[in-house]
Amino acid sequence: MNERPYDPDRDRPAVQRVWKECGWISDDAQHPAFDTMLSAGTARVVDMHGEAECLVTTHGGQVRYLHDDLPFSLVSAVTTGRVGRKQGIAGRLTARAVAADAANGAAVSGLGMFEQGFYDQLGFGSGPYEHLLLFDPGDLRLPAGVTARAPRRLTAADGPAMHANRRIRRRGHGGCNMDDPE
């Protein structure tokens, strides 16, 4: 297995093709978000036939264990193009990424959303298949004397403020915070 760090100049076209094959991106308008995600964490690729065919990304953060924060590594993306499937490279590259992050201080590792068999194969537990969170601003109850105003739709420009707000929320056991994107 030819594993190496992701090189945006060399690998971007091949990895974007893989993401299109997987249905993770569909058009050029999504490419800036793709670049932001990959640059905010650690990305590794496996080459097949001279180009990247599998990508694994991890992002650092903290997970609350009882009342303490532990260093956390999130496996945030595992994608393999059609040419690389059924070769075992996604599992091996993911295992190596988890091991590398542990060697760099991560005490806990977690997977994002992947197929159930992928969790089982790598020894991760799984929770419920679906988490639905719906919020209607009209359901808010305002304190006496506070005047309601029309809500404002959030955009990508609000991303830094949303991330900062998420990081200061009250977290219980198992609550995760991801590091700030640089």
N, C-alpha and C. Protein backbone atom coordinates (compact mmCIF):
# COMPACT_ATOMS: atom_id res chain seq x y z
N MET A 1 0.85 -1.17 0.00
CA MET A 1 0.00 0.00 0.00
C MET A 1 0.90 1.23 0.00
N ASN A 2 0.70 2.10 -0.97
CA ASN A 2 1.50 3.31 -1.12
C ASN A 2 0.80 4.48 -0.44
N GLU A 3 1.05 4.63 0.87
CA GLU A 3 0.41 5.68 1.67
C GLU A 3 1.32 6.90 1.74
N ARG A 4 0.69 8.08 1.71
CA ARG A 4 1.48 9.32 1.85
C ARG A 4 0.54 10.45 2.25
N PRO A 5 1.12 11.58 2.71
CA PRO A 5 0.28 12.74 3.03
C PRO A 5 -0.39 13.29 1.77
N TYR A 6 -1.58 13.82 1.94
CA TYR A 6 -2.31 14.47 0.85
C TYR A 6 -1.54 15.71 0.42
N ASP A 7 -1.34 15.85 -0.89
CA ASP A 7 -0.69 17.03 -1.48
C ASP A 7 -1.74 17.72 -2.35
N PRO A 8 -2.26 18.89 -1.90
CA PRO A 8 -3.37 19.52 -2.64
C PRO A 8 -3.05 19.78 -4.11
N ASP A 9 -1.85 20.22 -4.40
CA ASP A 9 -1.51 20.53 -5.79
C ASP A 9 -1.53 19.28 -6.66
N ARG A 10 -1.05 18.18 -6.11
CA ARG A 10 -0.97 16.94 -6.89
C ARG A 10 -2.28 16.15 -6.85
N ASP A 11 -2.93 16.11 -5.68
CA ASP A 11 -4.02 15.16 -5.45
C ASP A 11 -5.43 15.71 -5.59
N ARG A 12 -5.60 17.03 -5.57
CA ARG A 12 -6.95 17.61 -5.57
C ARG A 12 -7.83 17.05 -6.69
N PRO A 13 -7.40 17.04 -7.96
CA PRO A 13 -8.30 16.53 -9.01
C PRO A 13 -8.72 15.07 -8.80
N ALA A 14 -7.77 14.22 -8.41
CA ALA A 14 -8.10 12.81 -8.22
C ALA A 14 -9.04 12.61 -7.03
N VAL A 15 -8.76 13.31 -5.92
CA VAL A 15 -9.60 13.14 -4.74
C VAL A 15 -10.99 13.74 -4.97
N GLN A 16 -11.08 14.84 -5.69
CA GLN A 16 -12.40 15.38 -6.01
C GLN A 16 -13.18 14.43 -6.91
N ARG A 17 -12.50 13.74 -7.81
CA ARG A 17 -13.16 12.72 -8.63
C ARG A 17 -13.71 11.61 -7.74
N VAL A 18 -12.89 11.17 -6.77
CA VAL A 18 -13.33 10.13 -5.84
C VAL A 18 -14.56 10.61 -5.05
N TRP A 19 -14.52 11.85 -4.59
CA TRP A 19 -15.66 12.38 -3.82
C TRP A 19 -16.91 12.48 -4.70
N LYS A 20 -16.74 12.80 -5.96
CA LYS A 20 -17.90 12.81 -6.87
C LYS A 20 -18.44 11.40 -7.06
N GLU A 21 -17.55 10.41 -7.20
CA GLU A 21 -17.98 9.02 -7.35
C GLU A 21 -18.76 8.57 -6.12
N CYS A 22 -18.37 9.04 -4.94
CA CYS A 22 -19.03 8.67 -3.68
C CYS A 22 -20.29 9.49 -3.42
N GLY A 23 -20.50 10.55 -4.20
CA GLY A 23 -21.65 11.42 -4.01
C GLY A 23 -21.47 12.46 -2.92
N TRP A 24 -20.22 12.70 -2.49
CA TRP A 24 -19.98 13.68 -1.42
C TRP A 24 -19.94 15.11 -1.94
N ILE A 25 -19.53 15.30 -3.18
CA ILE A 25 -19.62 16.61 -3.83
C ILE A 25 -20.18 16.38 -5.22
N SER A 26 -20.84 17.40 -5.74
CA SER A 26 -21.46 17.22 -7.05
C SER A 26 -21.06 18.27 -8.07
N ASP A 27 -20.57 19.41 -7.60
CA ASP A 27 -20.23 20.44 -8.58
C ASP A 27 -19.07 21.30 -8.08
N ASP A 28 -18.57 22.14 -8.96
CA ASP A 28 -17.42 22.97 -8.65
C ASP A 28 -17.69 23.97 -7.53
N ALA A 29 -18.93 24.33 -7.29
CA ALA A 29 -19.25 25.30 -6.24
C ALA A 29 -18.89 24.76 -4.86
N GLN A 30 -18.78 23.43 -4.72
CA GLN A 30 -18.48 22.82 -3.43
C GLN A 30 -16.98 22.69 -3.19
N HIS A 31 -16.16 22.98 -4.18
CA HIS A 31 -14.72 22.78 -4.04
C HIS A 31 -14.07 23.64 -2.97
N PRO A 32 -14.47 24.92 -2.76
CA PRO A 32 -13.84 25.68 -1.67
C PRO A 32 -14.07 25.04 -0.30
N ALA A 33 -15.25 24.51 -0.05
CA ALA A 33 -15.52 23.84 1.23
C ALA A 33 -14.66 22.58 1.35
N PHE A 34 -14.47 21.87 0.25
CA PHE A 34 -13.61 20.69 0.21
C PHE A 34 -12.20 21.07 0.65
N ASP A 35 -11.66 22.13 0.06
CA ASP A 35 -10.30 22.57 0.39
C ASP A 35 -10.20 22.99 1.85
N THR A 36 -11.21 23.67 2.36
CA THR A 36 -11.21 24.11 3.75
C THR A 36 -11.20 22.91 4.69
N MET A 37 -12.04 21.92 4.42
CA MET A 37 -12.09 20.74 5.28
C MET A 37 -10.76 20.01 5.32
N LEU A 38 -10.17 19.79 4.15
CA LEU A 38 -8.92 19.05 4.11
C LEU A 38 -7.77 19.81 4.75
N SER A 39 -7.75 21.12 4.60
CA SER A 39 -6.65 21.89 5.17
C SER A 39 -6.77 22.04 6.69
N ALA A 40 -7.96 21.83 7.25
CA ALA A 40 -8.17 22.01 8.69
C ALA A 40 -7.73 20.79 9.49
N GLY A 41 -7.46 19.67 8.84
CA GLY A 41 -7.08 18.46 9.56
C GLY A 41 -5.85 17.83 8.94
N THR A 42 -5.73 16.53 9.13
CA THR A 42 -4.65 15.75 8.54
C THR A 42 -5.25 14.83 7.50
N ALA A 43 -4.75 14.89 6.30
CA ALA A 43 -5.28 14.07 5.20
C ALA A 43 -4.19 13.15 4.68
N ARG A 44 -4.57 11.90 4.44
CA ARG A 44 -3.65 10.89 3.93
C ARG A 44 -4.30 10.23 2.72
N VAL A 45 -3.48 9.83 1.77
CA VAL A 45 -4.00 9.17 0.58
C VAL A 45 -3.24 7.87 0.32
N VAL A 46 -3.86 7.01 -0.47
CA VAL A 46 -3.21 5.83 -1.02
C VAL A 46 -3.28 5.96 -2.53
N ASP A 47 -2.14 5.77 -3.18
CA ASP A 47 -2.07 5.83 -4.64
C ASP A 47 -2.33 4.47 -5.26
N MET A 48 -3.03 4.50 -6.37
CA MET A 48 -3.16 3.33 -7.24
C MET A 48 -2.99 3.84 -8.66
N HIS A 49 -2.14 3.19 -9.41
CA HIS A 49 -1.89 3.57 -10.80
C HIS A 49 -1.46 5.02 -10.92
N GLY A 50 -0.67 5.49 -9.95
CA GLY A 50 -0.08 6.81 -10.04
C GLY A 50 -0.92 7.97 -9.57
N GLU A 51 -2.12 7.70 -9.02
CA GLU A 51 -2.91 8.82 -8.50
C GLU A 51 -3.67 8.39 -7.25
N ALA A 52 -4.06 9.39 -6.45
CA ALA A 52 -4.78 9.12 -5.21
C ALA A 52 -6.10 8.43 -5.51
N GLU A 53 -6.34 7.31 -4.81
CA GLU A 53 -7.58 6.56 -5.00
C GLU A 53 -8.34 6.37 -3.68
N CYS A 54 -7.68 6.65 -2.57
CA CYS A 54 -8.31 6.54 -1.26
C CYS A 54 -7.82 7.72 -0.41
N LEU A 55 -8.73 8.33 0.33
CA LEU A 55 -8.41 9.46 1.20
C LEU A 55 -9.01 9.22 2.58
N VAL A 56 -8.21 9.48 3.62
CA VAL A 56 -8.68 9.46 5.00
C VAL A 56 -8.27 10.78 5.63
N THR A 57 -9.22 11.46 6.28
CA THR A 57 -8.91 12.69 7.00
C THR A 57 -9.25 12.53 8.47
N THR A 58 -8.43 13.15 9.31
CA THR A 58 -8.70 13.21 10.74
C THR A 58 -8.60 14.66 11.19
N HIS A 59 -9.36 14.98 12.21
CA HIS A 59 -9.37 16.32 12.79
C HIS A 59 -9.26 16.20 14.30
N GLY A 60 -8.46 17.07 14.90
CA GLY A 60 -8.24 17.03 16.34
C GLY A 60 -9.31 17.78 17.11
N GLY A 61 -9.41 17.45 18.38
CA GLY A 61 -10.36 18.12 19.25
C GLY A 61 -10.25 17.59 20.66
N GLN A 62 -11.34 17.72 21.40
CA GLN A 62 -11.40 17.24 22.77
C GLN A 62 -12.74 16.53 22.96
N VAL A 63 -12.72 15.49 23.80
CA VAL A 63 -13.96 14.81 24.17
C VAL A 63 -14.06 14.86 25.69
N ARG A 64 -15.25 15.17 26.17
CA ARG A 64 -15.47 15.26 27.62
C ARG A 64 -15.63 13.85 28.17
N TYR A 65 -14.80 13.52 29.16
CA TYR A 65 -14.92 12.27 29.90
C TYR A 65 -15.22 12.63 31.35
N LEU A 66 -16.42 12.38 31.78
CA LEU A 66 -16.92 12.83 33.07
C LEU A 66 -16.76 14.34 33.17
N HIS A 67 -15.73 14.84 33.87
CA HIS A 67 -15.55 16.28 34.00
C HIS A 67 -14.26 16.78 33.37
N ASP A 68 -13.57 15.92 32.64
CA ASP A 68 -12.28 16.29 32.05
C ASP A 68 -12.35 16.20 30.53
N ASP A 69 -11.52 17.01 29.87
CA ASP A 69 -11.38 16.93 28.42
C ASP A 69 -10.18 16.07 28.08
N LEU A 70 -10.37 15.12 27.17
CA LEU A 70 -9.29 14.27 26.68
C LEU A 70 -9.00 14.63 25.23
N PRO A 71 -7.73 14.52 24.81
CA PRO A 71 -7.40 14.77 23.40
C PRO A 71 -8.14 13.77 22.51
N PHE A 72 -8.75 14.27 21.47
CA PHE A 72 -9.66 13.48 20.63
C PHE A 72 -9.25 13.60 19.17
N SER A 73 -9.39 12.52 18.44
CA SER A 73 -9.16 12.52 16.99
C SER A 73 -10.42 11.99 16.31
N LEU A 74 -10.98 12.80 15.43
CA LEU A 74 -12.16 12.40 14.67
C LEU A 74 -11.74 11.94 13.28
N VAL A 75 -12.10 10.72 12.92
CA VAL A 75 -11.94 10.27 11.53
C VAL A 75 -13.12 10.87 10.79
N SER A 76 -12.85 11.94 10.05
CA SER A 76 -13.92 12.76 9.48
C SER A 76 -14.28 12.39 8.04
N ALA A 77 -13.42 11.68 7.36
CA ALA A 77 -13.73 11.27 5.98
C ALA A 77 -12.92 10.04 5.63
N VAL A 78 -13.58 9.07 5.03
CA VAL A 78 -12.93 7.90 4.44
C VAL A 78 -13.61 7.69 3.10
N THR A 79 -12.88 7.91 2.02
CA THR A 79 -13.46 7.72 0.69
C THR A 79 -12.49 6.95 -0.19
N THR A 80 -13.05 6.05 -0.98
CA THR A 80 -12.26 5.26 -1.92
C THR A 80 -12.98 5.26 -3.25
N GLY A 81 -12.24 5.53 -4.32
CA GLY A 81 -12.81 5.51 -5.66
C GLY A 81 -13.14 4.09 -6.10
N ARG A 82 -13.84 3.99 -7.18
CA ARG A 82 -14.28 2.68 -7.68
C ARG A 82 -13.11 1.75 -7.97
N VAL A 83 -12.02 2.29 -8.46
CA VAL A 83 -10.85 1.46 -8.80
C VAL A 83 -10.25 0.83 -7.55
N GLY A 84 -10.31 1.53 -6.42
CA GLY A 84 -9.66 1.05 -5.20
C GLY A 84 -10.53 0.24 -4.27
N ARG A 85 -11.78 0.06 -4.58
CA ARG A 85 -12.67 -0.65 -3.67
C ARG A 85 -12.38 -2.15 -3.64
N LYS A 86 -12.74 -2.76 -2.54
CA LYS A 86 -12.58 -4.20 -2.30
C LYS A 86 -11.11 -4.61 -2.24
N GLN A 87 -10.23 -3.66 -1.93
CA GLN A 87 -8.80 -3.94 -1.80
C GLN A 87 -8.35 -3.89 -0.34
N GLY A 88 -9.22 -3.42 0.55
CA GLY A 88 -8.88 -3.30 1.96
C GLY A 88 -8.09 -2.05 2.30
N ILE A 89 -7.91 -1.16 1.31
CA ILE A 89 -7.05 0.01 1.57
C ILE A 89 -7.72 1.03 2.49
N ALA A 90 -9.03 1.18 2.43
CA ALA A 90 -9.71 2.15 3.29
C ALA A 90 -9.54 1.77 4.76
N GLY A 91 -9.73 0.52 5.08
CA GLY A 91 -9.58 0.06 6.46
C GLY A 91 -8.15 0.17 6.95
N ARG A 92 -7.20 -0.22 6.11
CA ARG A 92 -5.79 -0.14 6.52
C ARG A 92 -5.34 1.31 6.69
N LEU A 93 -5.74 2.19 5.76
CA LEU A 93 -5.35 3.59 5.87
C LEU A 93 -6.01 4.24 7.09
N THR A 94 -7.26 3.90 7.36
CA THR A 94 -7.93 4.43 8.55
C THR A 94 -7.23 3.96 9.82
N ALA A 95 -6.89 2.68 9.89
CA ALA A 95 -6.18 2.16 11.07
C ALA A 95 -4.85 2.87 11.27
N ARG A 96 -4.14 3.12 10.20
CA ARG A 96 -2.85 3.83 10.30
C ARG A 96 -3.06 5.27 10.74
N ALA A 97 -4.11 5.92 10.25
CA ALA A 97 -4.39 7.30 10.65
C ALA A 97 -4.71 7.37 12.14
N VAL A 98 -5.52 6.43 12.63
CA VAL A 98 -5.86 6.39 14.06
C VAL A 98 -4.60 6.16 14.88
N ALA A 99 -3.74 5.23 14.44
CA ALA A 99 -2.50 4.95 15.17
C ALA A 99 -1.57 6.17 15.17
N ALA A 100 -1.48 6.87 14.05
CA ALA A 100 -0.62 8.07 13.98
C ALA A 100 -1.14 9.15 14.92
N ASP A 101 -2.45 9.35 14.95
CA ASP A 101 -3.01 10.36 15.85
C ASP A 101 -2.81 9.97 17.31
N ALA A 102 -2.92 8.68 17.63
CA ALA A 102 -2.67 8.22 18.99
C ALA A 102 -1.21 8.47 19.37
N ALA A 103 -0.30 8.21 18.45
CA ALA A 103 1.12 8.47 18.71
C ALA A 103 1.39 9.96 18.93
N ASN A 104 0.54 10.80 18.36
CA ASN A 104 0.67 12.25 18.52
C ASN A 104 -0.15 12.79 19.69
N GLY A 105 -0.70 11.90 20.53
CA GLY A 105 -1.34 12.35 21.75
C GLY A 105 -2.83 12.17 21.87
N ALA A 106 -3.51 11.74 20.82
CA ALA A 106 -4.96 11.54 20.92
C ALA A 106 -5.25 10.34 21.84
N ALA A 107 -6.03 10.57 22.88
CA ALA A 107 -6.38 9.50 23.81
C ALA A 107 -7.62 8.74 23.36
N VAL A 108 -8.46 9.39 22.55
CA VAL A 108 -9.72 8.81 22.09
C VAL A 108 -9.86 9.09 20.61
N SER A 109 -10.39 8.12 19.88
CA SER A 109 -10.66 8.31 18.46
C SER A 109 -12.12 7.97 18.20
N GLY A 110 -12.72 8.68 17.27
CA GLY A 110 -14.10 8.42 16.91
C GLY A 110 -14.28 8.52 15.41
N LEU A 111 -15.28 7.82 14.92
CA LEU A 111 -15.60 7.86 13.50
C LEU A 111 -16.82 8.73 13.28
N GLY A 112 -16.84 9.40 12.15
CA GLY A 112 -18.03 10.13 11.73
C GLY A 112 -19.05 9.13 11.23
N MET A 113 -19.73 9.46 10.12
CA MET A 113 -20.78 8.59 9.63
C MET A 113 -20.24 7.70 8.51
N PHE A 114 -20.29 6.40 8.75
CA PHE A 114 -19.84 5.43 7.76
C PHE A 114 -20.75 4.22 7.84
N GLU A 115 -20.51 3.27 6.98
CA GLU A 115 -21.33 2.07 6.99
C GLU A 115 -21.09 1.28 8.27
N GLN A 116 -22.13 0.63 8.77
CA GLN A 116 -22.04 -0.12 10.02
C GLN A 116 -20.90 -1.13 9.99
N GLY A 117 -20.74 -1.84 8.90
CA GLY A 117 -19.68 -2.83 8.81
C GLY A 117 -18.29 -2.23 8.95
N PHE A 118 -18.14 -0.99 8.51
CA PHE A 118 -16.85 -0.32 8.64
C PHE A 118 -16.53 -0.07 10.11
N TYR A 119 -17.53 0.35 10.89
CA TYR A 119 -17.34 0.52 12.33
C TYR A 119 -16.89 -0.80 12.95
N ASP A 120 -17.64 -1.85 12.67
CA ASP A 120 -17.37 -3.14 13.28
C ASP A 120 -15.98 -3.65 12.91
N GLN A 121 -15.60 -3.51 11.67
CA GLN A 121 -14.32 -4.01 11.19
C GLN A 121 -13.15 -3.36 11.92
N LEU A 122 -13.29 -2.10 12.28
CA LEU A 122 -12.21 -1.38 12.93
C LEU A 122 -12.32 -1.37 14.45
N GLY A 123 -13.33 -2.03 15.00
CA GLY A 123 -13.45 -2.14 16.44
C GLY A 123 -14.12 -0.96 17.13
N PHE A 124 -14.79 -0.11 16.38
CA PHE A 124 -15.52 1.01 16.97
C PHE A 124 -16.94 0.57 17.32
N GLY A 125 -17.46 1.09 18.41
CA GLY A 125 -18.86 0.87 18.74
C GLY A 125 -19.71 1.81 17.93
N SER A 126 -20.98 1.59 17.94
CA SER A 126 -21.86 2.48 17.19
C SER A 126 -23.07 2.83 18.05
N GLY A 127 -23.63 3.97 17.74
CA GLY A 127 -24.83 4.41 18.43
C GLY A 127 -26.02 4.25 17.52
N PRO A 128 -27.07 4.98 17.80
CA PRO A 128 -28.26 4.91 16.95
C PRO A 128 -27.92 5.30 15.51
N TYR A 129 -28.68 4.80 14.58
CA TYR A 129 -28.43 5.10 13.17
C TYR A 129 -28.80 6.52 12.79
N GLU A 130 -29.76 7.10 13.48
CA GLU A 130 -30.21 8.44 13.11
C GLU A 130 -30.31 9.33 14.33
N HIS A 131 -29.87 10.55 14.16
CA HIS A 131 -30.09 11.60 15.14
C HIS A 131 -30.76 12.73 14.39
N LEU A 132 -31.95 13.09 14.77
CA LEU A 132 -32.65 14.18 14.13
C LEU A 132 -32.77 15.33 15.11
N LEU A 133 -32.41 16.50 14.66
CA LEU A 133 -32.54 17.69 15.48
C LEU A 133 -33.25 18.74 14.64
N LEU A 134 -34.40 19.12 15.07
CA LEU A 134 -35.17 20.15 14.39
C LEU A 134 -35.35 21.31 15.34
N PHE A 135 -35.26 22.51 14.80
CA PHE A 135 -35.41 23.69 15.62
C PHE A 135 -36.19 24.73 14.85
N ASP A 136 -37.27 25.18 15.44
CA ASP A 136 -38.07 26.25 14.87
C ASP A 136 -37.90 27.46 15.77
N PRO A 137 -37.32 28.55 15.26
CA PRO A 137 -37.12 29.73 16.11
C PRO A 137 -38.41 30.21 16.76
N GLY A 138 -39.55 29.91 16.16
CA GLY A 138 -40.83 30.31 16.74
C GLY A 138 -41.13 29.61 18.06
N ASP A 139 -40.41 28.51 18.33
CA ASP A 139 -40.62 27.78 19.58
C ASP A 139 -39.88 28.39 20.77
N LEU A 140 -39.02 29.36 20.52
CA LEU A 140 -38.27 29.98 21.61
C LEU A 140 -39.20 30.74 22.54
N ARG A 141 -38.93 30.64 23.81
CA ARG A 141 -39.68 31.42 24.80
C ARG A 141 -38.75 32.51 25.30
N LEU A 142 -39.15 33.73 25.09
CA LEU A 142 -38.32 34.87 25.47
C LEU A 142 -38.69 35.36 26.87
N PRO A 143 -37.69 35.82 27.61
CA PRO A 143 -37.99 36.38 28.93
C PRO A 143 -38.89 37.60 28.81
N ALA A 144 -39.59 37.89 29.87
CA ALA A 144 -40.48 39.07 29.89
C ALA A 144 -39.67 40.32 29.57
N GLY A 145 -40.22 41.16 28.74
CA GLY A 145 -39.56 42.41 28.39
C GLY A 145 -38.67 42.33 27.18
N VAL A 146 -38.42 41.12 26.66
CA VAL A 146 -37.59 40.97 25.46
C VAL A 146 -38.52 40.90 24.25
N THR A 147 -38.26 41.75 23.29
CA THR A 147 -39.09 41.81 22.10
C THR A 147 -38.58 40.83 21.05
N ALA A 148 -39.49 40.06 20.50
CA ALA A 148 -39.12 39.11 19.45
C ALA A 148 -38.77 39.86 18.17
N ARG A 149 -37.84 39.29 17.40
CA ARG A 149 -37.50 39.85 16.10
C ARG A 149 -37.50 38.71 15.10
N ALA A 150 -37.55 39.05 13.85
CA ALA A 150 -37.53 38.02 12.81
C ALA A 150 -36.17 37.34 12.80
N PRO A 151 -36.14 36.01 12.68
CA PRO A 151 -34.85 35.33 12.61
C PRO A 151 -34.11 35.68 11.32
N ARG A 152 -32.82 35.45 11.32
CA ARG A 152 -31.97 35.71 10.16
C ARG A 152 -31.40 34.38 9.69
N ARG A 153 -31.42 34.15 8.39
CA ARG A 153 -30.83 32.92 7.84
C ARG A 153 -29.31 33.01 7.94
N LEU A 154 -28.70 31.91 8.34
CA LEU A 154 -27.25 31.85 8.46
C LEU A 154 -26.64 31.41 7.15
N THR A 155 -25.43 31.90 6.88
CA THR A 155 -24.70 31.55 5.66
C THR A 155 -23.31 31.07 6.04
N ALA A 156 -22.53 30.71 5.04
CA ALA A 156 -21.15 30.28 5.28
C ALA A 156 -20.34 31.37 5.96
N ALA A 157 -20.68 32.63 5.73
CA ALA A 157 -19.96 33.73 6.38
C ALA A 157 -20.14 33.71 7.90
N ASP A 158 -21.20 33.07 8.37
CA ASP A 158 -21.45 32.97 9.81
C ASP A 158 -20.72 31.78 10.44
N GLY A 159 -20.03 31.00 9.62
CA GLY A 159 -19.36 29.79 10.11
C GLY A 159 -18.46 30.00 11.31
N PRO A 160 -17.53 30.97 11.28
CA PRO A 160 -16.66 31.16 12.45
C PRO A 160 -17.44 31.47 13.74
N ALA A 161 -18.46 32.28 13.65
CA ALA A 161 -19.26 32.59 14.84
C ALA A 161 -20.03 31.36 15.32
N MET A 162 -20.56 30.56 14.39
CA MET A 162 -21.28 29.34 14.79
C MET A 162 -20.33 28.36 15.47
N HIS A 163 -19.11 28.23 14.91
CA HIS A 163 -18.12 27.32 15.50
C HIS A 163 -17.73 27.80 16.91
N ALA A 164 -17.48 29.10 17.05
CA ALA A 164 -17.11 29.65 18.36
C ALA A 164 -18.23 29.44 19.38
N ASN A 165 -19.46 29.62 18.95
CA ASN A 165 -20.60 29.42 19.84
C ASN A 165 -20.72 27.96 20.24
N ARG A 166 -20.51 27.07 19.31
CA ARG A 166 -20.60 25.64 19.61
C ARG A 166 -19.53 25.25 20.63
N ARG A 167 -18.35 25.83 20.55
CA ARG A 167 -17.26 25.48 21.46
C ARG A 167 -17.52 25.93 22.90
N ILE A 168 -18.37 26.95 23.11
CA ILE A 168 -18.60 27.43 24.47
C ILE A 168 -19.89 26.88 25.08
N ARG A 169 -20.56 25.97 24.37
CA ARG A 169 -21.79 25.41 24.90
C ARG A 169 -21.49 24.54 26.12
N ARG A 170 -22.50 24.26 26.89
CA ARG A 170 -22.34 23.34 28.01
C ARG A 170 -22.24 21.93 27.46
N ARG A 171 -21.20 21.22 27.83
CA ARG A 171 -21.01 19.85 27.35
C ARG A 171 -21.07 18.88 28.51
N GLY A 172 -21.76 17.79 28.28
CA GLY A 172 -21.78 16.70 29.25
C GLY A 172 -20.81 15.62 28.83
N HIS A 173 -20.85 14.51 29.53
CA HIS A 173 -19.99 13.36 29.23
C HIS A 173 -20.17 12.94 27.77
N GLY A 174 -19.07 12.81 27.05
CA GLY A 174 -19.09 12.40 25.65
C GLY A 174 -19.21 13.54 24.67
N GLY A 175 -19.41 14.76 25.15
CA GLY A 175 -19.51 15.92 24.25
C GLY A 175 -18.16 16.23 23.62
N CYS A 176 -18.16 16.48 22.33
CA CYS A 176 -16.92 16.73 21.59
C CYS A 176 -16.85 18.17 21.11
N ASN A 177 -15.65 18.71 21.13
CA ASN A 177 -15.34 19.98 20.49
C ASN A 177 -14.21 19.72 19.51
N MET A 178 -14.36 20.23 18.31
CA MET A 178 -13.28 20.11 17.33
C MET A 178 -12.43 21.37 17.40
N ASP A 179 -11.12 21.20 17.13
CA ASP A 179 -10.21 22.33 17.15
C ASP A 179 -10.64 23.37 16.12
N ASP A 180 -10.23 24.61 16.37
CA ASP A 180 -10.53 25.68 15.42
C ASP A 180 -9.79 25.44 14.11
N PRO A 181 -10.46 25.59 12.97
CA PRO A 181 -9.75 25.50 11.70
C PRO A 181 -8.78 26.67 11.59
N GLU A 182 -7.61 26.38 11.14
CA GLU A 182 -6.58 27.44 11.01
C GLU A 182 -6.82 28.24 9.76
